[in-house]
């Protein structure tokens, strides 16, 4: 993802960015993508925000998906760690995110050594699968 493709505003008509991890072109205006800053294919992100949607980060480094967390209402979030400054942040799952990739991130997160990130534990796998694939589809 390149920095200039993430800046949204009245004068910016760019609606796509190139993922710096998998190099796929990503449409930022897909359904369920109000503040898109991660790739729906590999789930890597960019450290572009200081607060949600502000696009004011001076870091602008890639952020690796390290696990999943859950909001109080049960919504699953992808947790990222910045590869430069180590900031941890959570992003809402978008409607076009690859559910198999989300599950893959979840499965490897049990070995994660990051502390205080409230990752969903492996005991919640059935709930994660139900939210991603439906009740009887996994």
N, C-alpha and C. Protein backbone atom coordinates (compact mmCIF):
# COMPACT_ATOMS: atom_id res chain seq x y z
N UNK A 1 0.85 -1.15 0.00
CA UNK A 1 0.00 0.00 0.00
C UNK A 1 0.90 1.22 0.00
N UNK A 2 0.57 2.14 -0.80
CA UNK A 2 1.39 3.32 -0.85
C UNK A 2 0.69 4.46 -0.13
N UNK A 3 1.48 5.30 0.51
CA UNK A 3 0.97 6.38 1.34
C UNK A 3 -0.02 7.27 0.61
N UNK A 4 0.29 7.65 -0.61
CA UNK A 4 -0.56 8.60 -1.31
C UNK A 4 -1.93 8.03 -1.66
N UNK A 5 -2.07 6.73 -1.73
CA UNK A 5 -3.37 6.17 -2.05
C UNK A 5 -4.29 6.08 -0.85
N UNK A 6 -3.77 6.28 0.34
CA UNK A 6 -4.61 6.19 1.53
C UNK A 6 -5.24 7.52 1.91
N UNK A 7 -4.71 8.62 1.42
CA UNK A 7 -5.26 9.91 1.78
C UNK A 7 -6.56 10.14 1.04
N UNK A 8 -7.60 10.33 1.82
CA UNK A 8 -8.91 10.55 1.21
C UNK A 8 -9.35 11.97 1.52
N UNK A 9 -9.96 12.60 0.58
CA UNK A 9 -10.44 13.95 0.80
C UNK A 9 -11.20 14.43 -0.41
N UNK A 10 -11.65 15.67 -0.33
CA UNK A 10 -12.46 16.22 -1.41
C UNK A 10 -11.70 16.26 -2.74
N UNK A 11 -10.39 16.51 -2.67
CA UNK A 11 -9.62 16.65 -3.88
C UNK A 11 -9.02 15.34 -4.39
N UNK A 12 -9.16 14.25 -3.62
CA UNK A 12 -8.55 12.99 -4.01
C UNK A 12 -9.59 12.07 -4.64
N UNK A 13 -9.35 11.70 -5.88
CA UNK A 13 -10.28 10.81 -6.55
C UNK A 13 -9.72 9.39 -6.64
N UNK A 14 -8.56 9.14 -6.00
CA UNK A 14 -7.99 7.80 -5.98
C UNK A 14 -8.90 6.90 -5.16
N UNK A 15 -9.26 5.74 -5.71
CA UNK A 15 -10.11 4.80 -5.01
C UNK A 15 -9.46 3.43 -4.89
N UNK A 16 -8.17 3.35 -5.19
CA UNK A 16 -7.45 2.08 -5.13
C UNK A 16 -6.06 2.31 -4.59
N UNK A 17 -5.49 1.23 -4.02
CA UNK A 17 -4.08 1.26 -3.63
C UNK A 17 -3.47 -0.10 -3.91
N UNK A 18 -2.15 -0.13 -4.00
CA UNK A 18 -1.41 -1.36 -4.21
C UNK A 18 -0.90 -1.83 -2.86
N UNK A 19 -1.23 -3.08 -2.48
CA UNK A 19 -0.77 -3.64 -1.22
C UNK A 19 0.75 -3.82 -1.25
N UNK A 20 1.43 -3.36 -0.23
CA UNK A 20 2.88 -3.49 -0.17
C UNK A 20 3.32 -4.91 0.19
N UNK A 21 2.41 -5.73 0.67
CA UNK A 21 2.76 -7.10 1.02
C UNK A 21 2.52 -8.07 -0.14
N UNK A 22 1.28 -8.14 -0.64
CA UNK A 22 0.97 -9.11 -1.71
C UNK A 22 0.93 -8.48 -3.10
N UNK A 23 1.01 -7.14 -3.16
CA UNK A 23 1.07 -6.38 -4.41
C UNK A 23 -0.19 -6.45 -5.25
N UNK A 24 -1.31 -6.77 -4.62
CA UNK A 24 -2.59 -6.77 -5.34
C UNK A 24 -3.21 -5.38 -5.25
N UNK A 25 -3.98 -5.03 -6.28
CA UNK A 25 -4.69 -3.76 -6.31
C UNK A 25 -5.95 -3.88 -5.46
N UNK A 26 -6.17 -2.92 -4.57
CA UNK A 26 -7.27 -2.96 -3.61
C UNK A 26 -8.17 -1.75 -3.82
N UNK A 27 -9.46 -2.00 -3.96
CA UNK A 27 -10.46 -0.95 -4.09
C UNK A 27 -10.87 -0.49 -2.69
N UNK A 28 -10.71 0.78 -2.38
CA UNK A 28 -11.03 1.26 -1.03
C UNK A 28 -12.50 1.60 -0.85
N UNK A 29 -13.29 1.49 -1.90
CA UNK A 29 -14.71 1.86 -1.80
C UNK A 29 -15.65 0.66 -1.84
N UNK A 30 -15.13 -0.54 -1.61
CA UNK A 30 -15.99 -1.73 -1.58
C UNK A 30 -16.96 -1.65 -0.40
N UNK A 31 -18.03 -2.40 -0.47
CA UNK A 31 -19.03 -2.46 0.59
C UNK A 31 -18.36 -2.86 1.91
N UNK A 32 -18.67 -2.14 2.96
CA UNK A 32 -18.13 -2.46 4.28
C UNK A 32 -16.72 -1.96 4.49
N UNK A 33 -16.33 -0.89 3.79
CA UNK A 33 -14.95 -0.41 3.88
C UNK A 33 -14.88 1.10 4.12
N UNK A 34 -15.49 1.58 5.17
CA UNK A 34 -15.56 3.02 5.42
C UNK A 34 -14.18 3.67 5.58
N UNK A 35 -13.27 3.04 6.31
CA UNK A 35 -11.92 3.57 6.51
C UNK A 35 -10.90 2.51 6.11
N UNK A 36 -10.97 2.03 4.89
CA UNK A 36 -10.11 0.94 4.41
C UNK A 36 -8.63 1.29 4.58
N UNK A 37 -7.91 0.49 5.33
CA UNK A 37 -6.46 0.62 5.38
C UNK A 37 -5.78 -0.74 5.46
N UNK A 38 -6.50 -1.78 5.07
CA UNK A 38 -5.87 -3.11 4.99
C UNK A 38 -6.31 -3.82 3.71
N UNK A 39 -5.48 -4.75 3.31
CA UNK A 39 -5.71 -5.51 2.09
C UNK A 39 -6.68 -6.65 2.37
N UNK A 40 -7.73 -6.83 1.57
CA UNK A 40 -8.68 -7.91 1.82
C UNK A 40 -8.12 -9.28 1.44
N UNK A 41 -7.00 -9.31 0.74
CA UNK A 41 -6.42 -10.57 0.27
C UNK A 41 -5.45 -11.16 1.29
N UNK A 42 -4.53 -10.36 1.81
CA UNK A 42 -3.52 -10.84 2.75
C UNK A 42 -3.71 -10.28 4.16
N UNK A 43 -4.58 -9.28 4.29
CA UNK A 43 -4.94 -8.61 5.55
C UNK A 43 -3.84 -7.72 6.13
N UNK A 44 -2.75 -7.51 5.41
CA UNK A 44 -1.74 -6.55 5.87
C UNK A 44 -2.33 -5.15 5.78
N UNK A 45 -1.85 -4.28 6.62
CA UNK A 45 -2.34 -2.92 6.70
C UNK A 45 -1.18 -1.95 6.56
N UNK A 46 -1.49 -0.68 6.70
CA UNK A 46 -0.47 0.36 6.76
C UNK A 46 -0.75 1.21 7.99
N UNK A 47 0.29 1.67 8.63
CA UNK A 47 0.15 2.55 9.78
C UNK A 47 -0.10 3.97 9.26
N UNK A 48 -1.35 4.23 8.91
CA UNK A 48 -1.72 5.52 8.33
C UNK A 48 -2.52 6.41 9.26
N UNK A 49 -3.10 5.83 10.31
CA UNK A 49 -3.97 6.60 11.22
C UNK A 49 -3.35 6.73 12.61
N UNK A 50 -3.57 7.88 13.22
CA UNK A 50 -3.31 8.05 14.65
C UNK A 50 -4.59 7.74 15.41
N UNK A 51 -5.70 8.26 14.88
CA UNK A 51 -7.03 7.89 15.36
C UNK A 51 -7.81 7.43 14.13
N UNK A 52 -8.85 6.67 14.34
CA UNK A 52 -9.58 6.03 13.26
C UNK A 52 -9.94 7.01 12.14
N UNK A 53 -9.44 6.72 10.94
CA UNK A 53 -9.80 7.48 9.75
C UNK A 53 -9.11 8.80 9.54
N UNK A 54 -8.18 9.21 10.45
CA UNK A 54 -7.60 10.55 10.31
C UNK A 54 -6.47 10.65 9.27
N UNK A 55 -5.85 9.53 8.92
CA UNK A 55 -4.76 9.47 7.94
C UNK A 55 -3.63 10.44 8.28
N UNK A 56 -3.31 10.59 9.58
CA UNK A 56 -2.30 11.55 10.01
C UNK A 56 -1.02 10.91 10.57
N UNK A 57 -0.87 9.62 10.44
CA UNK A 57 0.34 8.97 10.96
C UNK A 57 1.55 9.39 10.16
N UNK A 58 2.65 9.65 10.85
CA UNK A 58 3.90 9.96 10.16
C UNK A 58 4.74 8.70 9.96
N UNK A 59 4.32 7.59 10.55
CA UNK A 59 5.05 6.33 10.45
C UNK A 59 4.90 5.71 9.05
N UNK A 60 3.67 5.45 8.64
CA UNK A 60 3.35 4.92 7.32
C UNK A 60 4.04 3.60 6.96
N UNK A 61 4.37 2.81 7.96
CA UNK A 61 5.01 1.51 7.73
C UNK A 61 3.96 0.42 7.58
N UNK A 62 4.32 -0.71 6.99
CA UNK A 62 3.38 -1.84 6.92
C UNK A 62 3.05 -2.37 8.31
N UNK A 63 1.83 -2.90 8.43
CA UNK A 63 1.39 -3.50 9.69
C UNK A 63 0.99 -4.95 9.42
N UNK A 64 1.60 -5.84 10.17
CA UNK A 64 1.38 -7.28 9.99
C UNK A 64 0.16 -7.71 10.80
N UNK A 65 -0.73 -8.52 10.20
CA UNK A 65 -1.84 -9.06 10.98
C UNK A 65 -1.31 -10.12 11.95
N UNK A 66 -1.62 -9.97 13.25
CA UNK A 66 -1.05 -10.87 14.25
C UNK A 66 -2.11 -11.69 14.99
N UNK A 67 -3.37 -11.39 14.77
CA UNK A 67 -4.42 -12.14 15.44
C UNK A 67 -5.77 -11.45 15.31
N UNK A 68 -6.73 -11.95 16.07
CA UNK A 68 -8.08 -11.40 16.08
C UNK A 68 -8.44 -11.00 17.50
N UNK A 69 -9.23 -9.96 17.61
CA UNK A 69 -9.82 -9.59 18.89
C UNK A 69 -11.32 -9.43 18.68
N UNK A 70 -12.03 -9.20 19.74
CA UNK A 70 -13.49 -9.12 19.65
C UNK A 70 -13.99 -7.92 20.44
N UNK A 71 -14.85 -7.13 19.80
CA UNK A 71 -15.49 -6.01 20.49
C UNK A 71 -16.51 -6.55 21.47
N UNK A 72 -16.97 -5.70 22.37
CA UNK A 72 -17.96 -6.11 23.37
C UNK A 72 -19.23 -6.67 22.74
N UNK A 73 -19.57 -6.17 21.55
CA UNK A 73 -20.79 -6.64 20.87
C UNK A 73 -20.55 -7.94 20.08
N UNK A 74 -19.31 -8.47 20.13
CA UNK A 74 -19.00 -9.73 19.47
C UNK A 74 -18.36 -9.59 18.10
N UNK A 75 -18.30 -8.36 17.57
CA UNK A 75 -17.71 -8.15 16.26
C UNK A 75 -16.22 -8.50 16.28
N UNK A 76 -15.78 -9.27 15.29
CA UNK A 76 -14.38 -9.66 15.20
C UNK A 76 -13.57 -8.55 14.55
N UNK A 77 -12.39 -8.32 15.09
CA UNK A 77 -11.46 -7.31 14.58
C UNK A 77 -10.13 -7.99 14.26
N UNK A 78 -9.44 -7.51 13.21
CA UNK A 78 -8.10 -7.99 12.90
C UNK A 78 -7.11 -7.11 13.65
N UNK A 79 -6.21 -7.74 14.40
CA UNK A 79 -5.19 -7.01 15.16
C UNK A 79 -3.91 -6.96 14.34
N UNK A 80 -3.35 -5.75 14.22
CA UNK A 80 -2.12 -5.53 13.46
C UNK A 80 -1.03 -4.99 14.36
N UNK A 81 0.22 -5.30 14.01
CA UNK A 81 1.38 -4.71 14.67
C UNK A 81 2.23 -4.01 13.62
N UNK A 82 2.58 -2.77 13.88
CA UNK A 82 3.40 -2.00 12.96
C UNK A 82 4.82 -2.60 12.91
N UNK A 83 5.34 -2.78 11.71
CA UNK A 83 6.67 -3.37 11.54
C UNK A 83 7.79 -2.38 11.85
N UNK A 84 7.46 -1.11 12.01
CA UNK A 84 8.47 -0.09 12.29
C UNK A 84 8.43 0.36 13.75
N UNK A 85 7.26 0.78 14.23
CA UNK A 85 7.17 1.35 15.58
C UNK A 85 6.50 0.42 16.58
N UNK A 86 6.03 -0.73 16.14
CA UNK A 86 5.40 -1.76 16.99
C UNK A 86 4.05 -1.38 17.57
N UNK A 87 3.43 -0.32 17.04
CA UNK A 87 2.08 0.03 17.50
C UNK A 87 1.12 -1.12 17.19
N UNK A 88 0.25 -1.40 18.14
CA UNK A 88 -0.78 -2.42 17.97
C UNK A 88 -2.11 -1.69 17.73
N UNK A 89 -2.85 -2.13 16.72
CA UNK A 89 -4.17 -1.56 16.47
C UNK A 89 -5.09 -2.65 15.95
N UNK A 90 -6.38 -2.41 16.09
CA UNK A 90 -7.39 -3.36 15.61
C UNK A 90 -8.22 -2.69 14.52
N UNK A 91 -8.52 -3.45 13.49
CA UNK A 91 -9.34 -2.95 12.38
C UNK A 91 -10.55 -3.84 12.20
N UNK A 92 -11.66 -3.20 11.89
CA UNK A 92 -12.88 -3.96 11.59
C UNK A 92 -12.66 -4.82 10.36
N UNK A 93 -13.26 -5.98 10.36
CA UNK A 93 -13.24 -6.83 9.18
C UNK A 93 -14.18 -6.20 8.16
N UNK A 94 -13.71 -6.13 6.93
CA UNK A 94 -14.51 -5.55 5.85
C UNK A 94 -15.27 -6.66 5.13
N UNK A 95 -16.33 -6.28 4.44
CA UNK A 95 -17.19 -7.23 3.76
C UNK A 95 -16.49 -8.04 2.68
N UNK A 96 -15.39 -7.52 2.14
CA UNK A 96 -14.69 -8.24 1.08
C UNK A 96 -13.41 -8.92 1.55
N UNK A 97 -13.16 -8.94 2.86
CA UNK A 97 -11.97 -9.62 3.40
C UNK A 97 -12.08 -11.13 3.19
N UNK A 98 -10.96 -11.76 2.88
CA UNK A 98 -10.91 -13.20 2.64
C UNK A 98 -11.12 -13.95 3.96
N UNK A 99 -12.27 -14.63 4.12
CA UNK A 99 -12.54 -15.32 5.40
C UNK A 99 -11.55 -16.44 5.69
N UNK A 100 -11.02 -17.09 4.67
CA UNK A 100 -10.02 -18.13 4.90
C UNK A 100 -8.71 -17.54 5.43
N UNK A 101 -8.35 -16.36 4.95
CA UNK A 101 -7.15 -15.67 5.44
C UNK A 101 -7.37 -15.22 6.88
N UNK A 102 -8.57 -14.74 7.19
CA UNK A 102 -8.88 -14.34 8.57
C UNK A 102 -8.73 -15.54 9.50
N UNK A 103 -9.25 -16.68 9.09
CA UNK A 103 -9.13 -17.90 9.89
C UNK A 103 -7.67 -18.32 10.02
N UNK A 104 -6.90 -18.18 8.97
CA UNK A 104 -5.47 -18.50 9.02
C UNK A 104 -4.75 -17.62 10.05
N UNK A 105 -5.06 -16.32 10.05
CA UNK A 105 -4.47 -15.40 11.03
C UNK A 105 -4.86 -15.84 12.44
N UNK A 106 -6.11 -16.20 12.61
CA UNK A 106 -6.59 -16.67 13.91
C UNK A 106 -5.82 -17.91 14.36
N UNK A 107 -5.65 -18.87 13.45
CA UNK A 107 -4.99 -20.13 13.80
C UNK A 107 -3.53 -19.94 14.20
N UNK A 108 -2.83 -18.98 13.57
CA UNK A 108 -1.43 -18.77 13.95
C UNK A 108 -1.27 -17.84 15.14
N UNK A 109 -2.34 -17.13 15.51
CA UNK A 109 -2.22 -16.14 16.59
C UNK A 109 -2.03 -16.78 17.96
N UNK A 110 -2.35 -18.05 18.12
CA UNK A 110 -2.18 -18.71 19.41
C UNK A 110 -0.71 -18.77 19.83
N UNK A 111 0.19 -18.69 18.85
CA UNK A 111 1.62 -18.72 19.14
C UNK A 111 2.22 -17.32 19.27
N UNK A 112 1.38 -16.30 19.23
CA UNK A 112 1.85 -14.93 19.24
C UNK A 112 2.39 -14.55 20.61
N UNK A 113 3.52 -13.84 20.63
CA UNK A 113 4.14 -13.46 21.89
C UNK A 113 3.82 -12.03 22.32
N UNK A 114 3.05 -11.31 21.53
CA UNK A 114 2.65 -9.95 21.89
C UNK A 114 1.75 -10.02 23.12
N UNK A 115 2.00 -9.15 24.10
CA UNK A 115 1.19 -9.16 25.31
C UNK A 115 0.21 -7.99 25.32
N UNK A 116 -0.80 -8.10 26.15
CA UNK A 116 -1.81 -7.05 26.34
C UNK A 116 -2.54 -6.68 25.05
N UNK A 117 -2.79 -7.62 24.19
CA UNK A 117 -3.49 -7.29 22.95
C UNK A 117 -4.87 -7.91 22.88
N UNK A 118 -5.29 -8.63 23.92
CA UNK A 118 -6.65 -9.20 24.00
C UNK A 118 -7.02 -10.02 22.78
N UNK A 119 -6.10 -10.87 22.33
CA UNK A 119 -6.41 -11.72 21.19
C UNK A 119 -7.44 -12.77 21.58
N UNK A 120 -8.29 -13.12 20.63
CA UNK A 120 -9.27 -14.18 20.85
C UNK A 120 -8.48 -15.49 21.01
N UNK A 121 -8.86 -16.30 21.97
CA UNK A 121 -8.13 -17.55 22.21
C UNK A 121 -8.62 -18.66 21.29
N UNK A 122 -7.81 -19.69 21.17
CA UNK A 122 -8.13 -20.82 20.30
C UNK A 122 -9.42 -21.50 20.72
N UNK A 123 -9.82 -21.35 21.98
CA UNK A 123 -11.07 -21.95 22.44
C UNK A 123 -12.30 -21.30 21.80
N UNK A 124 -12.13 -20.15 21.17
CA UNK A 124 -13.23 -19.44 20.52
C UNK A 124 -13.31 -19.74 19.02
N UNK A 125 -12.61 -20.76 18.55
CA UNK A 125 -12.54 -21.05 17.12
C UNK A 125 -13.92 -21.29 16.50
N UNK A 126 -14.79 -22.03 17.19
CA UNK A 126 -16.12 -22.29 16.65
C UNK A 126 -16.89 -21.00 16.41
N UNK A 127 -16.81 -20.06 17.35
CA UNK A 127 -17.50 -18.77 17.20
C UNK A 127 -16.93 -17.99 16.02
N UNK A 128 -15.62 -17.98 15.88
CA UNK A 128 -14.97 -17.29 14.76
C UNK A 128 -15.44 -17.89 13.44
N UNK A 129 -15.43 -19.22 13.34
CA UNK A 129 -15.86 -19.89 12.11
C UNK A 129 -17.33 -19.59 11.79
N UNK A 130 -18.17 -19.57 12.82
CA UNK A 130 -19.59 -19.26 12.60
C UNK A 130 -19.75 -17.86 12.06
N UNK A 131 -19.01 -16.89 12.62
CA UNK A 131 -19.12 -15.51 12.12
C UNK A 131 -18.58 -15.36 10.71
N UNK A 132 -17.56 -16.13 10.36
CA UNK A 132 -16.96 -16.01 9.04
C UNK A 132 -17.71 -16.79 7.96
N UNK A 133 -18.19 -17.99 8.29
CA UNK A 133 -18.73 -18.87 7.27
C UNK A 133 -20.20 -19.23 7.46
N UNK A 134 -20.80 -18.84 8.57
CA UNK A 134 -22.18 -19.21 8.85
C UNK A 134 -22.24 -20.44 9.76
N UNK A 135 -23.38 -20.68 10.30
CA UNK A 135 -23.53 -21.71 11.32
C UNK A 135 -23.14 -23.10 10.87
N UNK A 136 -23.55 -23.51 9.71
CA UNK A 136 -23.30 -24.88 9.26
C UNK A 136 -22.39 -24.97 8.04
N UNK A 137 -21.56 -23.97 7.83
CA UNK A 137 -20.78 -23.94 6.59
C UNK A 137 -19.30 -24.18 6.80
N UNK A 138 -18.85 -24.40 7.99
CA UNK A 138 -17.42 -24.64 8.19
C UNK A 138 -17.24 -26.04 8.58
